[in-house]
Amino acid sequence: MIPTKHLLYLHGFRSSPRSFKARMLEAAVQALPASVRPIWACPQLPPSPAQAWAVIEAAVRDWPRDDMAVVGSSLGGFYATVLAERTGCRAAVINPAVAPARDLAAYIGEQHTFDDPTDRFFVQPSFMGEFEALSPYPITRPDRYWALIAQGDEVLDWREMADAYAGTRLTVLPGGDHAVSDFAQHLPALMGWLGLQQKPPKA
């Protein structure tokens, strides 16, 4: 496995780079020795899928495809899959939104981010068509993917997610929740899959 040298994290709907999973993964990356620490990016994604995709493309435009990876949670998992399918990079997805055009239609109108109620934005009806235009399913080359899916997800259907990522390195949690509140327990497995395990010092 080629160690990841460029790492992109994509947050979910109504979330931000300040989400606990983004901050936890960034902290784990920054704790690595400089010699193996990948370049890190975690952009704020606009509400518009088309604009979000433009931000993602710009973030990785100069990154070599063979040593980059993307991690995405919820809607970020959808975008991570789009990126993996279009570029051939590896992708780790956490409770990925596999049908956002269907599921987010209920959120058309004014919304706010989870961590800042004053940060308001609008979900436009046209966004559903933008999601459909980006849809990456069915995935190809499942060996490129690592998927963490919680049966206890209160937002998305875990069976639908598991079916979409069949054949991947798939971990289905017997409980859990949409946020994967126990993400810290799964972080070592993710870091190992990324080739970013911190090697113990030689005796």
C-alpha atoms as a PDB file:
ATOM      1  CA  MET A   1       0.000   0.000   0.000  1.00  0.00           C
ATOM      2  CA  ILE A   2       1.251   3.464  -0.916  1.00  0.00           C
ATOM      3  CA  PRO A   3       1.068   5.701   2.182  1.00  0.00           C
ATOM      4  CA  THR A   4      -1.319   8.604   1.759  1.00  0.00           C
ATOM      5  CA  LYS A   5       0.590  11.817   1.075  1.00  0.00           C
ATOM      6  CA  HIS A   6      -2.395  14.052   0.339  1.00  0.00           C
ATOM      7  CA  LEU A   7      -5.548  13.742   2.442  1.00  0.00           C
ATOM      8  CA  LEU A   8      -8.885  15.471   1.925  1.00  0.00           C
ATOM      9  CA  TYR A   9     -11.725  15.460   4.450  1.00  0.00           C
ATOM     10  CA  LEU A  10     -15.273  16.310   3.344  1.00  0.00           C
ATOM     11  CA  HIS A  11     -17.873  17.189   5.968  1.00  0.00           C
ATOM     12  CA  GLY A  12     -21.567  16.417   5.840  1.00  0.00           C
ATOM     13  CA  PHE A  13     -24.778  18.388   5.337  1.00  0.00           C
ATOM     14  CA  ARG A  14     -25.133  21.300   7.783  1.00  0.00           C
ATOM     15  CA  SER A  15     -21.661  20.516   9.089  1.00  0.00           C
ATOM     16  CA  SER A  16     -18.286  22.200   8.663  1.00  0.00           C
ATOM     17  CA  PRO A  17     -14.523  21.695   9.008  1.00  0.00           C
ATOM     18  CA  ARG A  18     -15.132  22.241  12.733  1.00  0.00           C
ATOM     19  CA  SER A  19     -16.969  18.908  13.079  1.00  0.00           C
ATOM     20  CA  PHE A  20     -15.555  16.587  15.728  1.00  0.00           C
ATOM     21  CA  LYS A  21     -14.564  13.904  13.200  1.00  0.00           C
ATOM     22  CA  ALA A  22     -12.738  16.415  11.022  1.00  0.00           C
ATOM     23  CA  ARG A  23     -10.877  17.839  14.019  1.00  0.00           C
ATOM     24  CA  MET A  24     -10.073  14.380  15.392  1.00  0.00           C
ATOM     25  CA  LEU A  25      -8.673  13.142  12.098  1.00  0.00           C
ATOM     26  CA  GLU A  26      -6.693  16.344  11.581  1.00  0.00           C
ATOM     27  CA  ALA A  27      -5.206  16.013  15.069  1.00  0.00           C
ATOM     28  CA  ALA A  28      -4.157  12.434  14.304  1.00  0.00           C
ATOM     29  CA  VAL A  29      -2.551  13.582  11.060  1.00  0.00           C
ATOM     30  CA  GLN A  30      -0.722  16.461  12.726  1.00  0.00           C
ATOM     31  CA  ALA A  31       0.592  14.094  15.416  1.00  0.00           C
ATOM     32  CA  LEU A  32       2.473  12.076  12.784  1.00  0.00           C
ATOM     33  CA  PRO A  33       6.184  12.664  12.248  1.00  0.00           C
ATOM     34  CA  ALA A  34       6.792  15.330   9.614  1.00  0.00           C
ATOM     35  CA  SER A  35       8.428  12.764   7.354  1.00  0.00           C
ATOM     36  CA  VAL A  36       5.171  10.839   6.911  1.00  0.00           C
ATOM     37  CA  ARG A  37       2.591  13.553   7.569  1.00  0.00           C
ATOM     38  CA  PRO A  38       0.340  14.059   4.532  1.00  0.00           C
ATOM     39  CA  ILE A  39      -0.772  17.384   3.145  1.00  0.00           C
ATOM     40  CA  TRP A  40      -4.192  18.033   4.713  1.00  0.00           C
ATOM     41  CA  ALA A  41      -7.216  19.857   3.309  1.00  0.00           C
ATOM     42  CA  CYS A  42     -10.701  20.239   4.748  1.00  0.00           C
ATOM     43  CA  PRO A  43     -12.640  22.937   2.874  1.00  0.00           C
ATOM     44  CA  GLN A  44     -15.989  24.442   3.799  1.00  0.00           C
ATOM     45  CA  LEU A  45     -18.400  23.085   1.205  1.00  0.00           C
ATOM     46  CA  PRO A  46     -21.095  25.366  -0.226  1.00  0.00           C
ATOM     47  CA  PRO A  47     -24.739  24.216  -0.085  1.00  0.00           C
ATOM     48  CA  SER A  48     -24.942  23.920  -3.872  1.00  0.00           C
ATOM     49  CA  PRO A  49     -23.686  20.484  -5.015  1.00  0.00           C
ATOM     50  CA  ALA A  50     -22.294  21.985  -8.215  1.00  0.00           C
ATOM     51  CA  GLN A  51     -20.407  24.646  -6.272  1.00  0.00           C
ATOM     52  CA  ALA A  52     -19.259  22.099  -3.676  1.00  0.00           C
ATOM     53  CA  TRP A  53     -17.876  19.920  -6.446  1.00  0.00           C
ATOM     54  CA  ALA A  54     -16.002  22.906  -7.877  1.00  0.00           C
ATOM     55  CA  VAL A  55     -14.411  23.502  -4.456  1.00  0.00           C
ATOM     56  CA  ILE A  56     -13.426  19.834  -4.192  1.00  0.00           C
ATOM     57  CA  GLU A  57     -11.915  19.789  -7.679  1.00  0.00           C
ATOM     58  CA  ALA A  58      -9.912  22.912  -6.915  1.00  0.00           C
ATOM     59  CA  ALA A  59      -8.636  21.444  -3.629  1.00  0.00           C
ATOM     60  CA  VAL A  60      -7.119  18.378  -5.311  1.00  0.00           C
ATOM     61  CA  ARG A  61      -6.278  19.801  -8.723  1.00  0.00           C
ATOM     62  CA  ASP A  62      -2.510  19.506  -8.219  1.00  0.00           C
ATOM     63  CA  TRP A  63      -2.518  16.327  -6.121  1.00  0.00           C
ATOM     64  CA  PRO A  64      -1.075  13.088  -7.576  1.00  0.00           C
ATOM     65  CA  ARG A  65      -3.895  10.568  -7.827  1.00  0.00           C
ATOM     66  CA  ASP A  66      -1.850   7.573  -6.729  1.00  0.00           C
ATOM     67  CA  ASP A  67      -0.955   8.947  -3.280  1.00  0.00           C
ATOM     68  CA  MET A  68      -4.104  10.897  -2.394  1.00  0.00           C
ATOM     69  CA  ALA A  69      -7.135   9.758  -0.444  1.00  0.00           C
ATOM     70  CA  VAL A  70     -10.421  11.311   0.591  1.00  0.00           C
ATOM     71  CA  VAL A  71     -12.459  10.760   3.741  1.00  0.00           C
ATOM     72  CA  GLY A  72     -16.093  11.828   3.798  1.00  0.00           C
ATOM     73  CA  SER A  73     -18.924  11.659   6.317  1.00  0.00           C
ATOM     74  CA  SER A  74     -22.624  11.559   5.387  1.00  0.00           C
ATOM     75  CA  LEU A  75     -23.044  13.936   2.431  1.00  0.00           C
ATOM     76  CA  GLY A  76     -19.261  14.215   2.424  1.00  0.00           C
ATOM     77  CA  GLY A  77     -19.218  10.463   1.825  1.00  0.00           C
ATOM     78  CA  PHE A  78     -21.288  11.001  -1.303  1.00  0.00           C
ATOM     79  CA  TYR A  79     -18.838  13.634  -2.556  1.00  0.00           C
ATOM     80  CA  ALA A  80     -15.880  11.426  -1.602  1.00  0.00           C
ATOM     81  CA  THR A  81     -17.337   8.668  -3.745  1.00  0.00           C
ATOM     82  CA  VAL A  82     -17.800  11.040  -6.676  1.00  0.00           C
ATOM     83  CA  LEU A  83     -14.132  12.003  -6.355  1.00  0.00           C
ATOM     84  CA  ALA A  84     -12.971   8.394  -6.138  1.00  0.00           C
ATOM     85  CA  GLU A  85     -14.998   7.372  -9.176  1.00  0.00           C
ATOM     86  CA  ARG A  86     -13.819  10.301 -11.273  1.00  0.00           C
ATOM     87  CA  THR A  87     -10.140  10.305 -10.324  1.00  0.00           C
ATOM     88  CA  GLY A  88      -9.353   6.748  -9.247  1.00  0.00           C
ATOM     89  CA  CYS A  89      -8.199   7.814  -5.776  1.00  0.00           C
ATOM     90  CA  ARG A  90      -9.063   5.880  -2.617  1.00  0.00           C
ATOM     91  CA  ALA A  91     -12.011   6.886  -0.472  1.00  0.00           C
ATOM     92  CA  ALA A  92     -13.115   6.220   3.094  1.00  0.00           C
ATOM     93  CA  VAL A  93     -16.794   6.871   3.761  1.00  0.00           C
ATOM     94  CA  ILE A  94     -18.601   7.151   7.084  1.00  0.00           C
ATOM     95  CA  ASN A  95     -22.385   6.667   7.010  1.00  0.00           C
ATOM     96  CA  PRO A  96     -22.427   7.969   3.416  1.00  0.00           C
ATOM     97  CA  ALA A  97     -25.513   9.619   1.932  1.00  0.00           C
ATOM     98  CA  VAL A  98     -26.144   7.465  -1.127  1.00  0.00           C
ATOM     99  CA  ALA A  99     -29.336   9.193  -2.331  1.00  0.00           C
ATOM    100  CA  PRO A 100     -29.062  12.882  -1.400  1.00  0.00           C
ATOM    101  CA  ALA A 101     -31.411  14.024  -4.175  1.00  0.00           C
ATOM    102  CA  ARG A 102     -34.154  12.009  -2.490  1.00  0.00           C
ATOM    103  CA  ASP A 103     -33.251  12.508   1.155  1.00  0.00           C
ATOM    104  CA  LEU A 104     -32.457  16.225   1.128  1.00  0.00           C
ATOM    105  CA  ALA A 105     -35.602  17.213  -0.760  1.00  0.00           C
ATOM    106  CA  ALA A 106     -37.244  17.409   2.670  1.00  0.00           C
ATOM    107  CA  TYR A 107     -34.765  20.167   3.625  1.00  0.00           C
ATOM    108  CA  ILE A 108     -35.542  22.589   0.800  1.00  0.00           C
ATOM    109  CA  GLY A 109     -35.677  26.059   2.308  1.00  0.00           C
ATOM    110  CA  GLU A 110     -33.693  27.897   4.958  1.00  0.00           C
ATOM    111  CA  GLN A 111     -31.306  25.843   7.093  1.00  0.00           C
ATOM    112  CA  HIS A 112     -28.478  26.533   9.527  1.00  0.00           C
ATOM    113  CA  THR A 113     -25.275  24.734  10.390  1.00  0.00           C
ATOM    114  CA  PHE A 114     -25.157  22.519  13.462  1.00  0.00           C
ATOM    115  CA  ASP A 115     -22.389  24.394  15.250  1.00  0.00           C
ATOM    116  CA  ASP A 116     -23.606  27.928  14.504  1.00  0.00           C
ATOM    117  CA  PRO A 117     -27.361  28.665  14.389  1.00  0.00           C
ATOM    118  CA  THR A 118     -26.597  32.120  12.988  1.00  0.00           C
ATOM    119  CA  ASP A 119     -24.872  30.579   9.945  1.00  0.00           C
ATOM    120  CA  ARG A 120     -27.899  30.256   7.671  1.00  0.00           C
ATOM    121  CA  PHE A 121     -28.179  29.072   4.092  1.00  0.00           C
ATOM    122  CA  PHE A 122     -30.844  28.004   1.617  1.00  0.00           C
ATOM    123  CA  VAL A 123     -31.353  24.602   0.047  1.00  0.00           C
ATOM    124  CA  GLN A 124     -32.725  25.267  -3.430  1.00  0.00           C
ATOM    125  CA  PRO A 125     -34.957  22.841  -5.370  1.00  0.00           C
ATOM    126  CA  SER A 126     -32.372  22.947  -8.175  1.00  0.00           C
ATOM    127  CA  PHE A 127     -29.841  21.303  -5.860  1.00  0.00           C
ATOM    128  CA  MET A 128     -31.650  17.974  -6.237  1.00  0.00           C
ATOM    129  CA  GLY A 129     -30.893  17.930  -9.954  1.00  0.00           C
ATOM    130  CA  GLU A 130     -27.275  18.816  -9.223  1.00  0.00           C
ATOM    131  CA  PHE A 131     -27.042  15.821  -6.895  1.00  0.00           C
ATOM    132  CA  GLU A 132     -28.486  13.552  -9.569  1.00  0.00           C
ATOM    133  CA  ALA A 133     -25.961  14.829 -12.108  1.00  0.00           C
ATOM    134  CA  LEU A 134     -23.091  13.941  -9.755  1.00  0.00           C
ATOM    135  CA  SER A 135     -24.364  10.515  -8.632  1.00  0.00           C
ATOM    136  CA  PRO A 136     -21.439   8.034  -8.659  1.00  0.00           C
ATOM    137  CA  TYR A 137     -23.372   4.812  -8.124  1.00  0.00           C
ATOM    138  CA  PRO A 138     -22.867   1.931  -8.661  1.00  0.00           C
ATOM    139  CA  ILE A 139     -19.248   2.181  -7.581  1.00  0.00           C
ATOM    140  CA  THR A 140     -16.436   0.532  -9.499  1.00  0.00           C
ATOM    141  CA  ARG A 141     -13.344  -1.173  -8.027  1.00  0.00           C
ATOM    142  CA  PRO A 142     -14.672  -1.661  -4.475  1.00  0.00           C
ATOM    143  CA  ASP A 143     -11.105  -2.379  -3.350  1.00  0.00           C
ATOM    144  CA  ARG A 144     -10.522   1.401  -3.363  1.00  0.00           C
ATOM    145  CA  TYR A 145     -13.033   1.949  -0.554  1.00  0.00           C
ATOM    146  CA  TRP A 146     -13.180   1.719   3.247  1.00  0.00           C
ATOM    147  CA  ALA A 147     -16.697   2.075   4.643  1.00  0.00           C
ATOM    148  CA  LEU A 148     -17.892   2.495   8.217  1.00  0.00           C
ATOM    149  CA  ILE A 149     -21.656   2.136   8.595  1.00  0.00           C
ATOM    150  CA  ALA A 150     -23.734   2.154  11.767  1.00  0.00           C
ATOM    151  CA  GLN A 151     -26.875   0.067  12.021  1.00  0.00           C
ATOM    152  CA  GLY A 152     -28.086   2.564  14.590  1.00  0.00           C
ATOM    153  CA  ASP A 153     -27.953   5.481  12.117  1.00  0.00           C
ATOM    154  CA  GLU A 154     -31.063   7.529  12.879  1.00  0.00           C
ATOM    155  CA  VAL A 155     -30.861   9.513   9.627  1.00  0.00           C
ATOM    156  CA  LEU A 156     -29.944   7.076   6.849  1.00  0.00           C
ATOM    157  CA  ASP A 157     -30.846   3.442   6.114  1.00  0.00           C
ATOM    158  CA  TRP A 158     -27.791   1.343   6.972  1.00  0.00           C
ATOM    159  CA  ARG A 159     -28.893  -1.457   4.619  1.00  0.00           C
ATOM    160  CA  GLU A 160     -28.968   0.895   1.647  1.00  0.00           C
ATOM    161  CA  MET A 161     -25.510   2.183   2.530  1.00  0.00           C
ATOM    162  CA  ALA A 162     -24.107  -1.327   2.990  1.00  0.00           C
ATOM    163  CA  ASP A 163     -25.565  -2.444  -0.343  1.00  0.00           C
ATOM    164  CA  ALA A 164     -24.007   0.558  -2.121  1.00  0.00           C
ATOM    165  CA  TYR A 165     -20.560  -0.355  -0.762  1.00  0.00           C
ATOM    166  CA  ALA A 166     -20.754  -4.135  -1.012  1.00  0.00           C
ATOM    167  CA  GLY A 167     -17.345  -5.674  -1.637  1.00  0.00           C
ATOM    168  CA  THR A 168     -15.452  -2.813  -0.015  1.00  0.00           C
ATOM    169  CA  ARG A 169     -13.537  -2.966   3.242  1.00  0.00           C
ATOM    170  CA  LEU A 170     -16.832  -2.656   5.071  1.00  0.00           C
ATOM    171  CA  THR A 171     -17.383  -2.409   8.818  1.00  0.00           C
ATOM    172  CA  VAL A 172     -21.011  -2.492   9.950  1.00  0.00           C
ATOM    173  CA  LEU A 173     -21.434  -1.391  13.551  1.00  0.00           C
ATOM    174  CA  PRO A 174     -24.209  -3.210  15.452  1.00  0.00           C
ATOM    175  CA  GLY A 175     -25.322   0.035  17.081  1.00  0.00           C
ATOM    176  CA  GLY A 176     -23.909   3.519  16.841  1.00  0.00           C
ATOM    177  CA  ASP A 177     -25.501   6.626  15.409  1.00  0.00           C
ATOM    178  CA  HIS A 178     -25.299   8.837  12.338  1.00  0.00           C
ATOM    179  CA  ALA A 179     -22.486  10.941  13.759  1.00  0.00           C
ATOM    180  CA  VAL A 180     -20.493   7.821  14.774  1.00  0.00           C
ATOM    181  CA  SER A 181     -20.000   9.324  18.201  1.00  0.00           C
ATOM    182  CA  ASP A 182     -17.408   6.668  19.039  1.00  0.00           C
ATOM    183  CA  PHE A 183     -15.281   7.638  16.040  1.00  0.00           C
ATOM    184  CA  ALA A 184     -12.161   7.641  18.216  1.00  0.00           C
ATOM    185  CA  GLN A 185     -12.438   3.848  18.507  1.00  0.00           C
ATOM    186  CA  HIS A 186     -12.382   3.470  14.708  1.00  0.00           C
ATOM    187  CA  LEU A 187      -9.702   6.054  13.990  1.00  0.00           C
ATOM    188  CA  PRO A 188      -6.763   3.598  14.303  1.00  0.00           C
ATOM    189  CA  ALA A 189      -8.324   1.318  11.659  1.00  0.00           C
ATOM    190  CA  LEU A 190      -8.850   4.268   9.345  1.00  0.00           C
ATOM    191  CA  MET A 191      -5.313   5.528   9.829  1.00  0.00           C
ATOM    192  CA  GLY A 192      -3.996   2.039   9.135  1.00  0.00           C
ATOM    193  CA  TRP A 193      -6.013   1.818   5.921  1.00  0.00           C
ATOM    194  CA  LEU A 194      -4.583   5.177   4.882  1.00  0.00           C
ATOM    195  CA  GLY A 195      -1.072   3.859   5.505  1.00  0.00           C
ATOM    196  CA  LEU A 196      -0.580   6.465   8.232  1.00  0.00           C
ATOM    197  CA  GLN A 197       0.088   4.322  11.255  1.00  0.00           C
ATOM    198  CA  GLN A 198       2.732   5.801  13.473  1.00  0.00           C
ATOM    199  CA  LYS A 199       5.460   3.184  13.745  1.00  0.00           C
ATOM    200  CA  PRO A 200       6.826   2.548  17.231  1.00  0.00           C
ATOM    201  CA  PRO A 201      10.469   3.520  17.812  1.00  0.00           C
ATOM    202  CA  LYS A 202      13.047   0.815  17.292  1.00  0.00           C
ATOM    203  CA  ALA A 203      14.309  -0.835  20.460  1.00  0.00           C
END
